[in-house]
Structures are given as C-alpha cells and as structure tokens.
Amino acid sequence: MSTRTEEPVAREAPAAVRPAAAGWRDPRLWIGVALVAVSVVAGVRVVGAADDTVVVWAAPEDAGAGAVLTADDLVARRVHFADEADLAQYWTAADALPAELHLTRAVGAGELLPRAAVGAEDVTGSVSLPLAVDPALVPPGVEPGWVVDVYLGGDEVPGAGTGDPVLAGATVLEAPALDDVLAVSGRRQVVVAVDEADAATYFRATGAVTDPVLTVVRRG
C-alpha cells in the first residue's frame, strides 16, 4: 500500500490596497469652496451698493442764473451718496418739486440740481438786459433758457484781441421771433439775465465804441 502525499498549492497574496485620502482633505475641494465664497460675497456687495443708490434730478443742458426750469426739463440720475448730509443738498425724485424752478446760479449740463441753486422768482442782483443783435450774429434757434456768451466788436473796442466776452454765462430770458423784430429795427432782440455788475461793465464797454457789434454764442 502506497502513501501519496499532496504538496500544498501556493496562492498569491492579495495586493495591498492603500486607503484613499478622505475627500475633505483634497485641496481642490477647498479651492472650489473658496471661489464660491468669494463670488457670493462679491454679489452681495454689488446688490447692496445698488440698493443704496438714490434717484436725483439733474440738468440736461447748461442753464444760467434767472433760467426757469420745470420737472419736464430735468433728467433722472441714479447716484450713491456715502453721506446722508450730501444727499440732503440735492432735489431727489422723492421730493415734491415746485411748479417752476427759478435758478439763482448757473447749473452745468449733467450737474445734479442743488437745492441752493433754486430760489424765488426775483433773483437778487440780477437784471434783464436787452440786446440788439444782427440776425447773422446770433444762432437762429436761440430760445429762453440758453446760456450764452456775448462778444463785442467794432471800432476802437477796449481790450480788442483778448478774445474775452463782454458778457459771460448770460441766460436768455426772451428771444422774440425774427418776424416780430426785423420789420421794426432790422435787428434780432435777445433779452438776457446778468448780474448788475456785469450789466454795468457791458454798458461801459459798449459806450466806449462808436458802432458796437455784438455776437451771441451759445455755450455747450
């Protein structure tokens, strides 16, 4: 009787498996979280800043002292004020505007309308000055509310060659149609509002010229 001995079968040991790193340790995860957080904070700030803006009235064109504006003449501008005291200096869309806004000082095109620039109908220190101008030396579309400079020409003009206007920043109050004045004098009448001191300077300058020639130029 023979005895058979079986040799043991060799088996391969299973490969070692290294545990995967926990997901929260992955730096890419934290980079993504940081980017999302930054985006959220930026969005909140933008929305918050937009909520802080106020609609304020502004002048669409230059308007000088003595000009009369209405709500239809104004444009809305959305503005952010860091200080409430600054906001209180301007007319906002939430304010009840007077039927007519009489300007006591010039306001530039696009400038926010200050409360201090609006006053009573009679502007202290302002006078209405009529000008008789050759129709060819005044813009044909001149109308009340325009801000103009007036230049003086003629024989022996004091300060000739300086290029300075004899009236600067005057506001047109009246500008009758050509047909209403040409038949009478052949000149275009334009009435402007100026300070009393400027009116006195104008009369001195024109009085020193034998035949003064006026040229009206619109600003802006």
C-alpha atoms as a PDB file:
ATOM      1  CA  MET A   1       0.000   0.000   0.000  1.00  0.00           C
ATOM      2  CA  SER A   2       1.482   3.229  -1.141  1.00  0.00           C
ATOM      3  CA  THR A   3       1.002   6.554   0.572  1.00  0.00           C
ATOM      4  CA  ARG A   4       0.534   9.697  -1.649  1.00  0.00           C
ATOM      5  CA  THR A   5       1.439  12.985  -0.231  1.00  0.00           C
ATOM      6  CA  GLU A   6      -0.109  16.097  -1.883  1.00  0.00           C
ATOM      7  CA  GLU A   7       2.002  19.186  -1.982  1.00  0.00           C
ATOM      8  CA  PRO A   8       0.248  22.382  -0.850  1.00  0.00           C
ATOM      9  CA  VAL A   9      -0.765  24.764  -3.683  1.00  0.00           C
ATOM     10  CA  ALA A  10       0.882  28.123  -3.419  1.00  0.00           C
ATOM     11  CA  ARG A  11      -1.572  31.065  -3.545  1.00  0.00           C
ATOM     12  CA  GLU A  12      -0.709  34.642  -4.351  1.00  0.00           C
ATOM     13  CA  ALA A  13      -1.266  37.049  -1.538  1.00  0.00           C
ATOM     14  CA  PRO A  14      -3.799  39.819  -2.429  1.00  0.00           C
ATOM     15  CA  ALA A  15      -2.272  43.123  -3.367  1.00  0.00           C
ATOM     16  CA  ALA A  16      -2.285  45.655  -0.603  1.00  0.00           C
ATOM     17  CA  VAL A  17      -4.852  48.372  -1.105  1.00  0.00           C
ATOM     18  CA  ARG A  18      -3.880  51.825   0.165  1.00  0.00           C
ATOM     19  CA  PRO A  19      -6.850  53.620   1.681  1.00  0.00           C
ATOM     20  CA  ALA A  20      -7.927  56.628  -0.355  1.00  0.00           C
ATOM     21  CA  ALA A  21      -7.476  60.058   1.145  1.00  0.00           C
ATOM     22  CA  ALA A  22     -10.594  61.489   2.658  1.00  0.00           C
ATOM     23  CA  GLY A  23     -12.396  63.867   0.282  1.00  0.00           C
ATOM     24  CA  TRP A  24     -12.303  66.785   2.699  1.00  0.00           C
ATOM     25  CA  ARG A  25      -8.517  66.642   2.584  1.00  0.00           C
ATOM     26  CA  ASP A  26      -8.432  67.210  -1.179  1.00  0.00           C
ATOM     27  CA  PRO A  27      -7.017  70.740  -1.759  1.00  0.00           C
ATOM     28  CA  ARG A  28      -9.063  71.083  -4.933  1.00  0.00           C
ATOM     29  CA  LEU A  29     -12.214  70.884  -2.857  1.00  0.00           C
ATOM     30  CA  TRP A  30     -11.139  73.783  -0.671  1.00  0.00           C
ATOM     31  CA  ILE A  31     -10.102  75.885  -3.657  1.00  0.00           C
ATOM     32  CA  GLY A  32     -13.564  75.420  -5.141  1.00  0.00           C
ATOM     33  CA  VAL A  33     -15.234  76.324  -1.862  1.00  0.00           C
ATOM     34  CA  ALA A  34     -13.117  79.477  -1.612  1.00  0.00           C
ATOM     35  CA  LEU A  35     -14.030  80.569  -5.151  1.00  0.00           C
ATOM     36  CA  VAL A  36     -17.722  80.090  -4.469  1.00  0.00           C
ATOM     37  CA  ALA A  37     -17.475  82.079  -1.230  1.00  0.00           C
ATOM     38  CA  VAL A  38     -15.702  84.963  -2.957  1.00  0.00           C
ATOM     39  CA  SER A  39     -18.352  85.043  -5.687  1.00  0.00           C
ATOM     40  CA  VAL A  40     -21.171  85.131  -3.147  1.00  0.00           C
ATOM     41  CA  VAL A  41     -19.582  87.954  -1.140  1.00  0.00           C
ATOM     42  CA  ALA A  42     -18.938  89.999  -4.286  1.00  0.00           C
ATOM     43  CA  GLY A  43     -22.520  89.511  -5.433  1.00  0.00           C
ATOM     44  CA  VAL A  44     -23.891  90.593  -2.076  1.00  0.00           C
ATOM     45  CA  ARG A  45     -21.787  93.742  -2.142  1.00  0.00           C
ATOM     46  CA  VAL A  46     -22.886  94.655  -5.657  1.00  0.00           C
ATOM     47  CA  VAL A  47     -26.551  94.177  -4.810  1.00  0.00           C
ATOM     48  CA  GLY A  48     -26.126  96.106  -1.580  1.00  0.00           C
ATOM     49  CA  ALA A  49     -24.470  99.010  -3.379  1.00  0.00           C
ATOM     50  CA  ALA A  50     -27.269  99.114  -5.948  1.00  0.00           C
ATOM     51  CA  ASP A  51     -29.848  99.287  -3.184  1.00  0.00           C
ATOM     52  CA  ASP A  52     -28.073 102.331  -1.715  1.00  0.00           C
ATOM     53  CA  THR A  53     -28.482 104.475  -4.834  1.00  0.00           C
ATOM     54  CA  VAL A  54     -30.970 107.339  -4.963  1.00  0.00           C
ATOM     55  CA  VAL A  55     -32.651 108.931  -7.989  1.00  0.00           C
ATOM     56  CA  VAL A  56     -31.621 112.603  -8.127  1.00  0.00           C
ATOM     57  CA  TRP A  57     -32.671 115.286 -10.617  1.00  0.00           C
ATOM     58  CA  ALA A  58     -30.044 116.786 -12.924  1.00  0.00           C
ATOM     59  CA  ALA A  59     -29.961 119.467 -15.611  1.00  0.00           C
ATOM     60  CA  PRO A  60     -29.653 118.012 -19.137  1.00  0.00           C
ATOM     61  CA  GLU A  61     -28.184 121.258 -20.519  1.00  0.00           C
ATOM     62  CA  ASP A  62     -26.426 124.376 -19.263  1.00  0.00           C
ATOM     63  CA  ALA A  63     -28.798 126.785 -17.533  1.00  0.00           C
ATOM     64  CA  GLY A  64     -27.783 130.134 -16.109  1.00  0.00           C
ATOM     65  CA  ALA A  65     -28.975 132.318 -13.277  1.00  0.00           C
ATOM     66  CA  GLY A  66     -32.509 133.511 -13.953  1.00  0.00           C
ATOM     67  CA  ALA A  67     -33.491 130.465 -16.004  1.00  0.00           C
ATOM     68  CA  VAL A  68     -36.815 128.820 -15.177  1.00  0.00           C
ATOM     69  CA  LEU A  69     -36.987 125.024 -15.239  1.00  0.00           C
ATOM     70  CA  THR A  70     -39.845 122.593 -14.785  1.00  0.00           C
ATOM     71  CA  ALA A  71     -39.892 118.882 -13.994  1.00  0.00           C
ATOM     72  CA  ASP A  72     -40.063 118.154 -17.733  1.00  0.00           C
ATOM     73  CA  ASP A  73     -36.719 119.934 -18.199  1.00  0.00           C
ATOM     74  CA  LEU A  74     -34.882 117.627 -15.786  1.00  0.00           C
ATOM     75  CA  VAL A  75     -33.366 114.173 -16.178  1.00  0.00           C
ATOM     76  CA  ALA A  76     -33.060 111.445 -13.547  1.00  0.00           C
ATOM     77  CA  ARG A  77     -29.674 110.219 -12.363  1.00  0.00           C
ATOM     78  CA  ARG A  78     -29.137 107.263 -10.005  1.00  0.00           C
ATOM     79  CA  VAL A  79     -26.418 108.219  -7.523  1.00  0.00           C
ATOM     80  CA  HIS A  80     -24.833 106.633  -4.450  1.00  0.00           C
ATOM     81  CA  PHE A  81     -24.152 109.031  -1.566  1.00  0.00           C
ATOM     82  CA  ALA A  82     -21.783 107.960   1.173  1.00  0.00           C
ATOM     83  CA  ASP A  83     -23.107 110.679   3.464  1.00  0.00           C
ATOM     84  CA  GLU A  84     -26.778 111.488   4.078  1.00  0.00           C
ATOM     85  CA  ALA A  85     -25.805 115.137   4.526  1.00  0.00           C
ATOM     86  CA  ASP A  86     -24.643 115.255   0.899  1.00  0.00           C
ATOM     87  CA  LEU A  87     -27.925 113.804  -0.326  1.00  0.00           C
ATOM     88  CA  ALA A  88     -29.880 116.484   1.528  1.00  0.00           C
ATOM     89  CA  GLN A  89     -28.289 119.158  -0.681  1.00  0.00           C
ATOM     90  CA  TYR A  90     -29.993 117.971  -3.894  1.00  0.00           C
ATOM     91  CA  TRP A  91     -33.503 117.576  -5.303  1.00  0.00           C
ATOM     92  CA  THR A  92     -34.458 113.904  -5.462  1.00  0.00           C
ATOM     93  CA  ALA A  93     -37.229 112.120  -7.340  1.00  0.00           C
ATOM     94  CA  ALA A  94     -38.994 111.621  -3.998  1.00  0.00           C
ATOM     95  CA  ASP A  95     -39.272 115.399  -3.459  1.00  0.00           C
ATOM     96  CA  ALA A  96     -42.309 117.438  -4.455  1.00  0.00           C
ATOM     97  CA  LEU A  97     -40.858 119.865  -6.993  1.00  0.00           C
ATOM     98  CA  PRO A  98     -42.210 123.413  -7.307  1.00  0.00           C
ATOM     99  CA  ALA A  99     -44.171 124.093 -10.485  1.00  0.00           C
ATOM    100  CA  GLU A 100     -41.277 126.300 -11.625  1.00  0.00           C
ATOM    101  CA  LEU A 101     -37.657 126.167 -10.555  1.00  0.00           C
ATOM    102  CA  HIS A 102     -36.048 129.613 -10.702  1.00  0.00           C
ATOM    103  CA  LEU A 103     -32.278 129.268 -10.790  1.00  0.00           C
ATOM    104  CA  THR A 104     -30.267 131.690  -8.679  1.00  0.00           C
ATOM    105  CA  ARG A 105     -26.989 130.483 -10.163  1.00  0.00           C
ATOM    106  CA  ALA A 106     -25.782 128.692 -13.253  1.00  0.00           C
ATOM    107  CA  VAL A 107     -26.076 124.901 -13.423  1.00  0.00           C
ATOM    108  CA  GLY A 108     -23.947 122.920 -15.874  1.00  0.00           C
ATOM    109  CA  ALA A 109     -25.140 120.196 -18.230  1.00  0.00           C
ATOM    110  CA  GLY A 110     -25.384 116.907 -16.337  1.00  0.00           C
ATOM    111  CA  GLU A 111     -24.929 118.602 -12.960  1.00  0.00           C
ATOM    112  CA  LEU A 112     -27.135 117.404 -10.116  1.00  0.00           C
ATOM    113  CA  LEU A 113     -29.682 120.071  -9.225  1.00  0.00           C
ATOM    114  CA  PRO A 114     -28.705 121.646  -5.881  1.00  0.00           C
ATOM    115  CA  ARG A 115     -31.387 122.971  -3.592  1.00  0.00           C
ATOM    116  CA  ALA A 116     -29.226 126.062  -3.068  1.00  0.00           C
ATOM    117  CA  ALA A 117     -29.449 126.891  -6.790  1.00  0.00           C
ATOM    118  CA  VAL A 118     -33.256 127.230  -6.695  1.00  0.00           C
ATOM    119  CA  GLY A 119     -34.834 130.319  -5.206  1.00  0.00           C
ATOM    120  CA  ALA A 120     -37.560 132.914  -5.554  1.00  0.00           C
ATOM    121  CA  GLU A 121     -38.652 134.235  -8.924  1.00  0.00           C
ATOM    122  CA  ASP A 122     -36.831 137.526  -8.479  1.00  0.00           C
ATOM    123  CA  VAL A 123     -33.130 136.751  -8.438  1.00  0.00           C
ATOM    124  CA  THR A 124     -31.353 139.199  -6.164  1.00  0.00           C
ATOM    125  CA  GLY A 125     -28.723 141.232  -8.022  1.00  0.00           C
ATOM    126  CA  SER A 126     -29.908 140.074 -11.456  1.00  0.00           C
ATOM    127  CA  VAL A 127     -31.219 142.376 -14.182  1.00  0.00           C
ATOM    128  CA  SER A 128     -32.852 141.816 -17.566  1.00  0.00           C
ATOM    129  CA  LEU A 129     -30.620 143.244 -20.278  1.00  0.00           C
ATOM    130  CA  PRO A 130     -31.976 143.693 -23.829  1.00  0.00           C
ATOM    131  CA  LEU A 131     -29.529 143.204 -26.675  1.00  0.00           C
ATOM    132  CA  ALA A 132     -29.998 144.310 -30.274  1.00  0.00           C
ATOM    133  CA  VAL A 133     -28.043 141.918 -32.461  1.00  0.00           C
ATOM    134  CA  ASP A 134     -27.591 141.494 -36.195  1.00  0.00           C
ATOM    135  CA  PRO A 135     -29.587 138.337 -37.086  1.00  0.00           C
ATOM    136  CA  ALA A 136     -26.496 136.877 -38.729  1.00  0.00           C
ATOM    137  CA  LEU A 137     -24.575 137.156 -35.444  1.00  0.00           C
ATOM    138  CA  VAL A 138     -26.962 135.181 -33.232  1.00  0.00           C
ATOM    139  CA  PRO A 139     -27.929 131.495 -33.550  1.00  0.00           C
ATOM    140  CA  PRO A 140     -31.308 131.347 -35.338  1.00  0.00           C
ATOM    141  CA  GLY A 141     -32.705 128.847 -32.839  1.00  0.00           C
ATOM    142  CA  VAL A 142     -31.981 130.972 -29.779  1.00  0.00           C
ATOM    143  CA  GLU A 143     -34.626 130.486 -27.106  1.00  0.00           C
ATOM    144  CA  PRO A 144     -35.211 131.141 -23.390  1.00  0.00           C
ATOM    145  CA  GLY A 145     -33.019 129.052 -21.122  1.00  0.00           C
ATOM    146  CA  TRP A 146     -29.934 129.109 -23.330  1.00  0.00           C
ATOM    147  CA  VAL A 147     -26.655 130.086 -21.682  1.00  0.00           C
ATOM    148  CA  VAL A 148     -24.698 132.398 -23.971  1.00  0.00           C
ATOM    149  CA  ASP A 149     -21.553 134.496 -24.178  1.00  0.00           C
ATOM    150  CA  VAL A 150     -21.714 137.914 -25.839  1.00  0.00           C
ATOM    151  CA  TYR A 151     -18.703 139.298 -27.678  1.00  0.00           C
ATOM    152  CA  LEU A 152     -18.181 142.956 -28.523  1.00  0.00           C
ATOM    153  CA  GLY A 153     -16.729 144.136 -31.801  1.00  0.00           C
ATOM    154  CA  GLY A 154     -16.447 147.455 -33.591  1.00  0.00           C
ATOM    155  CA  ASP A 155     -14.121 150.417 -33.897  1.00  0.00           C
ATOM    156  CA  GLU A 156     -11.750 151.016 -31.001  1.00  0.00           C
ATOM    157  CA  VAL A 157     -13.044 148.206 -28.834  1.00  0.00           C
ATOM    158  CA  PRO A 158     -11.315 148.324 -25.418  1.00  0.00           C
ATOM    159  CA  GLY A 159      -9.266 145.190 -24.907  1.00  0.00           C
ATOM    160  CA  ALA A 160      -9.653 144.122 -28.544  1.00  0.00           C
ATOM    161  CA  GLY A 161      -7.788 140.943 -29.362  1.00  0.00           C
ATOM    162  CA  THR A 162      -8.092 139.378 -25.903  1.00  0.00           C
ATOM    163  CA  GLY A 163     -10.882 137.048 -27.038  1.00  0.00           C
ATOM    164  CA  ASP A 164     -12.821 137.627 -23.812  1.00  0.00           C
ATOM    165  CA  PRO A 165     -16.628 138.067 -23.990  1.00  0.00           C
ATOM    166  CA  VAL A 166     -18.174 141.276 -22.749  1.00  0.00           C
ATOM    167  CA  LEU A 167     -20.850 139.091 -21.093  1.00  0.00           C
ATOM    168  CA  ALA A 168     -20.092 135.540 -19.987  1.00  0.00           C
ATOM    169  CA  GLY A 169     -22.643 132.911 -18.964  1.00  0.00           C
ATOM    170  CA  ALA A 170     -25.719 135.071 -19.519  1.00  0.00           C
ATOM    171  CA  THR A 171     -29.112 133.355 -19.504  1.00  0.00           C
ATOM    172  CA  VAL A 172     -31.555 134.091 -22.314  1.00  0.00           C
ATOM    173  CA  LEU A 173     -34.902 135.201 -20.875  1.00  0.00           C
ATOM    174  CA  GLU A 174     -36.661 136.237 -24.069  1.00  0.00           C
ATOM    175  CA  ALA A 175     -35.952 135.821 -27.777  1.00  0.00           C
ATOM    176  CA  PRO A 176     -38.805 137.177 -29.938  1.00  0.00           C
ATOM    177  CA  ALA A 177     -39.245 135.593 -33.343  1.00  0.00           C
ATOM    178  CA  LEU A 178     -37.407 137.174 -36.251  1.00  0.00           C
ATOM    179  CA  ASP A 179     -40.642 138.339 -37.882  1.00  0.00           C
ATOM    180  CA  ASP A 180     -41.544 140.302 -34.741  1.00  0.00           C
ATOM    181  CA  VAL A 181     -38.430 142.486 -34.766  1.00  0.00           C
ATOM    182  CA  LEU A 182     -36.945 142.610 -38.260  1.00  0.00           C
ATOM    183  CA  ALA A 183     -39.694 144.796 -39.643  1.00  0.00           C
ATOM    184  CA  VAL A 184     -39.076 147.409 -36.941  1.00  0.00           C
ATOM    185  CA  SER A 185     -35.313 147.624 -36.499  1.00  0.00           C
ATOM    186  CA  GLY A 186     -33.726 145.011 -38.722  1.00  0.00           C
ATOM    187  CA  ARG A 187     -32.063 143.503 -35.659  1.00  0.00           C
ATOM    188  CA  ARG A 188     -32.759 140.448 -33.514  1.00  0.00           C
ATOM    189  CA  GLN A 189     -33.662 141.257 -29.934  1.00  0.00           C
ATOM    190  CA  VAL A 190     -32.396 138.960 -27.202  1.00  0.00           C
ATOM    191  CA  VAL A 191     -33.078 139.636 -23.512  1.00  0.00           C
ATOM    192  CA  VAL A 192     -30.576 138.098 -21.094  1.00  0.00           C
ATOM    193  CA  ALA A 193     -30.297 137.884 -17.312  1.00  0.00           C
ATOM    194  CA  VAL A 194     -26.983 139.101 -15.895  1.00  0.00           C
ATOM    195  CA  ASP A 195     -25.630 140.370 -12.612  1.00  0.00           C
ATOM    196  CA  GLU A 196     -25.890 144.110 -12.031  1.00  0.00           C
ATOM    197  CA  ALA A 197     -22.104 144.387 -12.006  1.00  0.00           C
ATOM    198  CA  ASP A 198     -21.865 142.601 -15.367  1.00  0.00           C
ATOM    199  CA  ALA A 199     -24.526 144.896 -16.815  1.00  0.00           C
ATOM    200  CA  ALA A 200     -22.535 147.938 -15.703  1.00  0.00           C
ATOM    201  CA  THR A 201     -19.401 146.503 -17.322  1.00  0.00           C
ATOM    202  CA  TYR A 202     -21.365 145.900 -20.527  1.00  0.00           C
ATOM    203  CA  PHE A 203     -22.612 149.486 -20.709  1.00  0.00           C
ATOM    204  CA  ARG A 204     -19.145 150.888 -20.104  1.00  0.00           C
ATOM    205  CA  ALA A 205     -17.679 148.699 -22.859  1.00  0.00           C
ATOM    206  CA  THR A 206     -20.368 149.408 -25.454  1.00  0.00           C
ATOM    207  CA  GLY A 207     -20.448 153.111 -24.565  1.00  0.00           C
ATOM    208  CA  ALA A 208     -16.781 153.410 -25.463  1.00  0.00           C
ATOM    209  CA  VAL A 209     -17.385 152.119 -29.005  1.00  0.00           C
ATOM    210  CA  THR A 210     -18.757 154.269 -31.818  1.00  0.00           C
ATOM    211  CA  ASP A 211     -20.619 151.476 -33.557  1.00  0.00           C
ATOM    212  CA  PRO A 212     -20.704 148.382 -31.293  1.00  0.00           C
ATOM    213  CA  VAL A 213     -21.234 144.999 -32.940  1.00  0.00           C
ATOM    214  CA  LEU A 214     -22.500 142.182 -30.744  1.00  0.00           C
ATOM    215  CA  THR A 215     -22.104 138.473 -31.407  1.00  0.00           C
ATOM    216  CA  VAL A 216     -24.070 135.943 -29.364  1.00  0.00           C
ATOM    217  CA  VAL A 217     -22.530 132.485 -28.922  1.00  0.00           C
ATOM    218  CA  ARG A 218     -24.267 129.590 -27.216  1.00  0.00           C
ATOM    219  CA  ARG A 219     -22.292 127.652 -24.633  1.00  0.00           C
ATOM    220  CA  GLY A 220     -22.017 123.883 -24.677  1.00  0.00           C
END
